[in-house]
PDB file of N, CA and C in Angstrom:
ATOM      1  N   UNK A   1       0.639  -1.145  -0.108  1.00  0.00           N
ATOM      2  CA  UNK A   1      -0.016   0.083  -0.113  1.00  0.00           C
ATOM      3  C   UNK A   1       0.628   1.343  -0.166  1.00  0.00           C
ATOM      4  N   UNK A   2       0.585   2.105  -1.143  1.00  0.00           N
ATOM      5  CA  UNK A   2       1.392   3.293  -1.427  1.00  0.00           C
ATOM      6  C   UNK A   2       0.537   4.573  -0.353  1.00  0.00           C
ATOM      7  N   UNK A   3       1.359   4.889   0.591  1.00  0.00           N
ATOM      8  CA  UNK A   3       1.269   6.140   1.687  1.00  0.00           C
ATOM      9  C   UNK A   3       0.595   7.438   0.702  1.00  0.00           C
ATOM     10  N   UNK A   4      -0.224   7.881   1.048  1.00  0.00           N
ATOM     11  CA  UNK A   4      -0.719   9.522   0.187  1.00  0.00           C
ATOM     12  C   UNK A   4      -0.723  10.276   1.065  1.00  0.00           C
ATOM     13  N   UNK A   5      -0.176  11.207   0.027  1.00  0.00           N
ATOM     14  CA  UNK A   5       0.064  12.001   0.966  1.00  0.00           C
ATOM     15  C   UNK A   5      -1.186  13.069   1.440  1.00  0.00           C
ATOM     16  N   UNK A   6      -0.844  13.564   2.787  1.00  0.00           N
ATOM     17  CA  UNK A   6      -2.123  14.024   3.582  1.00  0.00           C
ATOM     18  C   UNK A   6      -2.856  15.564   2.784  1.00  0.00           C
ATOM     19  N   UNK A   7      -3.896  15.343   2.513  1.00  0.00           N
ATOM     20  CA  UNK A   7      -4.914  16.670   1.679  1.00  0.00           C
ATOM     21  C   UNK A   7      -4.504  17.879   2.679  1.00  0.00           C
ATOM     22  N   UNK A   8      -3.893  18.707   1.428  1.00  0.00           N
ATOM     23  CA  UNK A   8      -3.949  20.193   2.567  1.00  0.00           C
ATOM     24  C   UNK A   8      -5.644  20.867   2.272  1.00  0.00           C
ATOM     25  N   UNK A   9      -5.347  21.957   3.138  1.00  0.00           N
ATOM     26  CA  UNK A   9      -6.884  22.610   3.252  1.00  0.00           C
ATOM     27  C   UNK A   9      -7.558  22.948   2.048  1.00  0.00           C
ATOM     28  N   UNK A  10      -6.734  23.565   1.609  1.00  0.00           N
ATOM     29  CA  UNK A  10      -6.636  23.738  -0.342  1.00  0.00           C
ATOM     30  C   UNK A  10      -7.599  22.932  -0.995  1.00  0.00           C
ATOM     31  N   UNK A  11      -7.533  22.159  -0.361  1.00  0.00           N
ATOM     32  CA  UNK A  11      -7.945  20.374  -1.331  1.00  0.00           C
ATOM     33  C   UNK A  11      -9.587  20.159  -0.922  1.00  0.00           C
ATOM     34  N   UNK A  12      -9.919  20.558   0.146  1.00  0.00           N
ATOM     35  CA  UNK A  12     -10.640  20.170   1.255  1.00  0.00           C
ATOM     36  C   UNK A  12     -12.299  21.207   1.072  1.00  0.00           C
ATOM     37  N   UNK A  13     -13.133  20.697   1.082  1.00  0.00           N
ATOM     38  CA  UNK A  13     -14.334  21.800   0.688  1.00  0.00           C
ATOM     39  C   UNK A  13     -15.590  20.983   1.151  1.00  0.00           C
ATOM     40  N   UNK A  14     -16.865  21.897   1.545  1.00  0.00           N
ATOM     41  CA  UNK A  14     -17.621  21.022   1.931  1.00  0.00           C
ATOM     42  C   UNK A  14     -18.572  20.142   1.104  1.00  0.00           C
ATOM     43  N   UNK A  15     -19.214  19.536   1.123  1.00  0.00           N
ATOM     44  CA  UNK A  15     -19.768  18.594   0.009  1.00  0.00           C
ATOM     45  C   UNK A  15     -18.624  17.321  -0.611  1.00  0.00           C
ATOM     46  N   UNK A  16     -17.571  17.207  -0.085  1.00  0.00           N
ATOM     47  CA  UNK A  16     -16.570  16.431  -0.371  1.00  0.00           C
ATOM     48  C   UNK A  16     -16.539  14.977   0.223  1.00  0.00           C
ATOM     49  N   UNK A  17     -16.400  13.538  -0.424  1.00  0.00           N
ATOM     50  CA  UNK A  17     -16.272  12.743   0.248  1.00  0.00           C
ATOM     51  C   UNK A  17     -14.972  12.427   0.337  1.00  0.00           C
ATOM     52  N   UNK A  18     -14.322  12.356   1.879  1.00  0.00           N
ATOM     53  CA  UNK A  18     -13.230  12.042   2.354  1.00  0.00           C
ATOM     54  C   UNK A  18     -13.045  10.902   3.682  1.00  0.00           C
ATOM     55  N   UNK A  19     -12.100  10.196   3.564  1.00  0.00           N
ATOM     56  CA  UNK A  19     -11.742   9.430   5.000  1.00  0.00           C
ATOM     57  C   UNK A  19     -11.555  10.063   5.939  1.00  0.00           C
ATOM     58  N   UNK A  20     -11.497   9.873   7.025  1.00  0.00           N
ATOM     59  CA  UNK A  20     -11.124  10.671   8.988  1.00  0.00           C
ATOM     60  C   UNK A  20     -10.636   9.594   9.349  1.00  0.00           C
ATOM     61  N   UNK A  21      -9.917  10.183  10.249  1.00  0.00           N
ATOM     62  CA  UNK A  21      -9.412   9.283  11.527  1.00  0.00           C
ATOM     63  C   UNK A  21      -9.961  10.243  12.511  1.00  0.00           C
ATOM     64  N   UNK A  22     -11.107   9.388  13.712  1.00  0.00           N
ATOM     65  CA  UNK A  22     -11.471   9.951  14.564  1.00  0.00           C
ATOM     66  C   UNK A  22     -10.222   9.990  15.918  1.00  0.00           C
ATOM     67  N   UNK A  23     -10.633  10.932  16.607  1.00  0.00           N
ATOM     68  CA  UNK A  23      -9.566  11.066  17.725  1.00  0.00           C
ATOM     69  C   UNK A  23      -9.609   9.567  18.370  1.00  0.00           C
ATOM     70  N   UNK A  24     -10.498   9.049  18.810  1.00  0.00           N
ATOM     71  CA  UNK A  24     -10.265   7.874  19.657  1.00  0.00           C
ATOM     72  C   UNK A  24     -10.077   6.581  18.570  1.00  0.00           C
ATOM     73  N   UNK A  25     -10.047   6.743  17.665  1.00  0.00           N
ATOM     74  CA  UNK A  25      -9.101   5.527  16.504  1.00  0.00           C
ATOM     75  C   UNK A  25      -7.708   6.276  16.179  1.00  0.00           C
ATOM     76  N   UNK A  26      -7.260   7.060  16.800  1.00  0.00           N
ATOM     77  CA  UNK A  26      -6.114   7.481  16.183  1.00  0.00           C
ATOM     78  C   UNK A  26      -4.951   6.550  16.172  1.00  0.00           C
ATOM     79  N   UNK A  27      -4.810   5.741  17.012  1.00  0.00           N
ATOM     80  CA  UNK A  27      -3.717   5.058  17.809  1.00  0.00           C
ATOM     81  C   UNK A  27      -4.007   3.781  16.834  1.00  0.00           C
ATOM     82  N   UNK A  28      -5.478   3.146  16.727  1.00  0.00           N
ATOM     83  CA  UNK A  28      -5.803   1.920  15.444  1.00  0.00           C
ATOM     84  C   UNK A  28      -5.696   2.154  14.275  1.00  0.00           C
ATOM     85  N   UNK A  29      -6.104   3.837  14.148  1.00  0.00           N
ATOM     86  CA  UNK A  29      -5.669   3.941  12.616  1.00  0.00           C
ATOM     87  C   UNK A  29      -7.042   3.635  11.837  1.00  0.00           C
ATOM     88  N   UNK A  30      -8.255   3.487  12.656  1.00  0.00           N
ATOM     89  CA  UNK A  30      -9.373   2.895  12.078  1.00  0.00           C
ATOM     90  C   UNK A  30      -9.860   4.176  11.137  1.00  0.00           C
ATOM     91  N   UNK A  31     -10.254   4.164   9.717  1.00  0.00           N
ATOM     92  CA  UNK A  31     -11.036   5.391   8.610  1.00  0.00           C
ATOM     93  C   UNK A  31     -12.482   5.282   8.958  1.00  0.00           C
ATOM     94  N   UNK A  32     -12.873   6.488   8.991  1.00  0.00           N
ATOM     95  CA  UNK A  32     -14.078   6.729   8.637  1.00  0.00           C
ATOM     96  C   UNK A  32     -14.501   7.730   7.484  1.00  0.00           C
ATOM     97  N   UNK A  33     -15.580   7.128   6.416  1.00  0.00           N
ATOM     98  CA  UNK A  33     -15.791   7.563   5.701  1.00  0.00           C
ATOM     99  C   UNK A  33     -17.070   8.658   5.148  1.00  0.00           C
ATOM    100  N   UNK A  34     -16.779   9.637   4.983  1.00  0.00           N
ATOM    101  CA  UNK A  34     -18.039  10.651   4.948  1.00  0.00           C
ATOM    102  C   UNK A  34     -17.832  11.826   3.997  1.00  0.00           C
ATOM    103  N   UNK A  35     -19.160  12.357   4.176  1.00  0.00           N
ATOM    104  CA  UNK A  35     -19.126  13.657   2.932  1.00  0.00           C
ATOM    105  C   UNK A  35     -18.905  14.831   4.378  1.00  0.00           C
ATOM    106  N   UNK A  36     -18.089  15.713   3.885  1.00  0.00           N
ATOM    107  CA  UNK A  36     -17.377  17.342   5.182  1.00  0.00           C
ATOM    108  C   UNK A  36     -18.558  18.243   4.628  1.00  0.00           C
ATOM    109  N   UNK A  37     -19.154  18.511   5.870  1.00  0.00           N
ATOM    110  CA  UNK A  37     -20.119  19.471   6.482  1.00  0.00           C
ATOM    111  C   UNK A  37     -19.222  20.883   6.915  1.00  0.00           C
ATOM    112  N   UNK A  38     -18.313  20.837   7.011  1.00  0.00           N
ATOM    113  CA  UNK A  38     -17.519  22.157   7.729  1.00  0.00           C
ATOM    114  C   UNK A  38     -15.766  21.693   8.217  1.00  0.00           C
ATOM    115  N   UNK A  39     -15.230  22.948   7.901  1.00  0.00           N
ATOM    116  CA  UNK A  39     -13.737  22.407   7.948  1.00  0.00           C
ATOM    117  C   UNK A  39     -13.041  23.364   8.813  1.00  0.00           C
ATOM    118  N   UNK A  40     -12.357  22.444   9.938  1.00  0.00           N
ATOM    119  CA  UNK A  40     -12.632  22.915  11.191  1.00  0.00           C
ATOM    120  C   UNK A  40     -11.189  23.578  11.533  1.00  0.00           C
ATOM    121  N   UNK A  41     -10.198  23.445  10.316  1.00  0.00           N
ATOM    122  CA  UNK A  41      -8.525  23.743  10.785  1.00  0.00           C
ATOM    123  C   UNK A  41      -8.873  24.963   9.511  1.00  0.00           C
ATOM    124  N   UNK A  42      -7.973  26.085  10.378  1.00  0.00           N
ATOM    125  CA  UNK A  42      -8.150  27.213  10.152  1.00  0.00           C
ATOM    126  C   UNK A  42      -6.799  27.241   9.031  1.00  0.00           C
ATOM    127  N   UNK A  43      -5.510  26.622   9.770  1.00  0.00           N
ATOM    128  CA  UNK A  43      -4.010  26.551   8.794  1.00  0.00           C
ATOM    129  C   UNK A  43      -4.269  25.812   7.453  1.00  0.00           C
ATOM    130  N   UNK A  44      -3.193  26.442   6.763  1.00  0.00           N
ATOM    131  CA  UNK A  44      -3.336  25.669   5.396  1.00  0.00           C
ATOM    132  C   UNK A  44      -3.212  23.934   5.111  1.00  0.00           C
ATOM    133  N   UNK A  45      -2.203  23.778   6.352  1.00  0.00           N
ATOM    134  CA  UNK A  45      -2.098  22.444   6.552  1.00  0.00           C
ATOM    135  C   UNK A  45      -1.952  22.021   7.832  1.00  0.00           C
ATOM    136  N   UNK A  46      -1.559  20.624   7.988  1.00  0.00           N
ATOM    137  CA  UNK A  46      -1.703  20.350   9.750  1.00  0.00           C
ATOM    138  C   UNK A  46      -0.808  18.610   9.360  1.00  0.00           C
ATOM    139  N   UNK A  47       0.161  18.682  10.142  1.00  0.00           N
ATOM    140  CA  UNK A  47       0.780  17.044  10.232  1.00  0.00           C
ATOM    141  C   UNK A  47      -0.268  16.008  10.057  1.00  0.00           C
ATOM    142  N   UNK A  48      -1.292  16.529  10.787  1.00  0.00           N
ATOM    143  CA  UNK A  48      -1.923  14.848  11.291  1.00  0.00           C
ATOM    144  C   UNK A  48      -3.087  15.346  10.226  1.00  0.00           C
ATOM    145  N   UNK A  49      -3.502  15.914   9.375  1.00  0.00           N
ATOM    146  CA  UNK A  49      -4.518  16.385   8.664  1.00  0.00           C
ATOM    147  C   UNK A  49      -5.263  17.386   8.628  1.00  0.00           C
ATOM    148  N   UNK A  50      -5.961  17.777   8.296  1.00  0.00           N
ATOM    149  CA  UNK A  50      -7.193  18.823   8.709  1.00  0.00           C
ATOM    150  C   UNK A  50      -8.162  18.695   8.793  1.00  0.00           C
ATOM    151  N   UNK A  51      -8.583  19.329  10.661  1.00  0.00           N
ATOM    152  CA  UNK A  51      -9.828  18.491  11.187  1.00  0.00           C
ATOM    153  C   UNK A  51     -10.883  19.317  10.272  1.00  0.00           C
ATOM    154  N   UNK A  52     -11.948  18.361  10.298  1.00  0.00           N
ATOM    155  CA  UNK A  52     -13.409  18.626   9.521  1.00  0.00           C
ATOM    156  C   UNK A  52     -14.675  18.053  10.210  1.00  0.00           C
ATOM    157  N   UNK A  53     -15.587  18.476  10.237  1.00  0.00           N
ATOM    158  CA  UNK A  53     -16.917  17.865  10.760  1.00  0.00           C
ATOM    159  C   UNK A  53     -17.737  17.174   9.562  1.00  0.00           C
ATOM    160  N   UNK A  54     -18.181  15.781   9.855  1.00  0.00           N
ATOM    161  CA  UNK A  54     -18.808  15.066   8.547  1.00  0.00           C
ATOM    162  C   UNK A  54     -20.732  15.739   8.591  1.00  0.00           C
ATOM    163  N   UNK A  55     -21.276  15.401   7.644  1.00  0.00           N
ATOM    164  CA  UNK A  55     -22.555  15.751   7.362  1.00  0.00           C
ATOM    165  C   UNK A  55     -23.372  15.015   8.528  1.00  0.00           C
ATOM    166  N   UNK A  56     -22.727  13.474   9.162  1.00  0.00           N
ATOM    167  CA  UNK A  56     -23.286  13.232  10.052  1.00  0.00           C
ATOM    168  C   UNK A  56     -22.989  13.402  11.658  1.00  0.00           C
ATOM    169  N   UNK A  57     -22.103  14.216  11.690  1.00  0.00           N
ATOM    170  CA  UNK A  57     -21.647  14.875  13.184  1.00  0.00           C
ATOM    171  C   UNK A  57     -20.084  14.729  13.228  1.00  0.00           C
ATOM    172  N   UNK A  58     -19.538  13.246  12.613  1.00  0.00           N
ATOM    173  CA  UNK A  58     -18.240  13.135  13.088  1.00  0.00           C
ATOM    174  C   UNK A  58     -17.126  13.828  12.969  1.00  0.00           C
ATOM    175  N   UNK A  59     -16.294  14.148  13.889  1.00  0.00           N
ATOM    176  CA  UNK A  59     -15.029  15.179  13.970  1.00  0.00           C
ATOM    177  C   UNK A  59     -13.689  14.081  13.863  1.00  0.00           C
ATOM    178  N   UNK A  60     -13.134  14.483  13.161  1.00  0.00           N
ATOM    179  CA  UNK A  60     -11.824  13.602  12.871  1.00  0.00           C
ATOM    180  C   UNK A  60     -10.824  14.647  11.739  1.00  0.00           C
ATOM    181  N   UNK A  61      -9.424  14.028  11.560  1.00  0.00           N
ATOM    182  CA  UNK A  61      -8.931  14.652  10.630  1.00  0.00           C
ATOM    183  C   UNK A  61      -8.918  13.842   8.949  1.00  0.00           C
ATOM    184  N   UNK A  62      -8.274  14.690   7.864  1.00  0.00           N
ATOM    185  CA  UNK A  62      -8.686  13.886   7.040  1.00  0.00           C
ATOM    186  C   UNK A  62      -7.212  13.624   6.341  1.00  0.00           C
ATOM    187  N   UNK A  63      -7.627  11.911   6.155  1.00  0.00           N
ATOM    188  CA  UNK A  63      -6.367  11.167   5.469  1.00  0.00           C
ATOM    189  C   UNK A  63      -6.726  10.951   4.358  1.00  0.00           C
ATOM    190  N   UNK A  64      -7.700  10.944   3.617  1.00  0.00           N
ATOM    191  CA  UNK A  64      -8.012  11.324   2.228  1.00  0.00           C
ATOM    192  C   UNK A  64      -9.193  11.583   1.773  1.00  0.00           C
ATOM    193  N   UNK A  65      -8.922  11.812   0.190  1.00  0.00           N
ATOM    194  CA  UNK A  65      -9.924  12.277  -0.511  1.00  0.00           C
ATOM    195  C   UNK A  65     -10.759  11.205  -1.569  1.00  0.00           C
ATOM    196  N   UNK A  66     -11.613  10.601  -1.151  1.00  0.00           N
ATOM    197  CA  UNK A  66     -12.479   9.771  -2.166  1.00  0.00           C
ATOM    198  C   UNK A  66     -12.262   9.766  -3.392  1.00  0.00           C
ATOM    199  N   UNK A  67     -12.191   9.526  -4.302  1.00  0.00           N
ATOM    200  CA  UNK A  67     -12.584   9.783  -5.806  1.00  0.00           C
ATOM    201  C   UNK A  67     -13.678   9.010  -6.316  1.00  0.00           C
TER     202      UNK A  67
END
């Protein structure tokens, strides 16, 4: 498996389907898929991923954009 670079804030917008890692799943690395409702991180990039809220209310850091 090839490690994809973590997306920058400029690549993430509401309505985008992404995979996030929730805080409680960071150690296990379990990914959750959903649609971005809000972008919560203000900085252009973050080493662990841009924090977003999904439409279902889950909050986590974006690990990948689903094509």
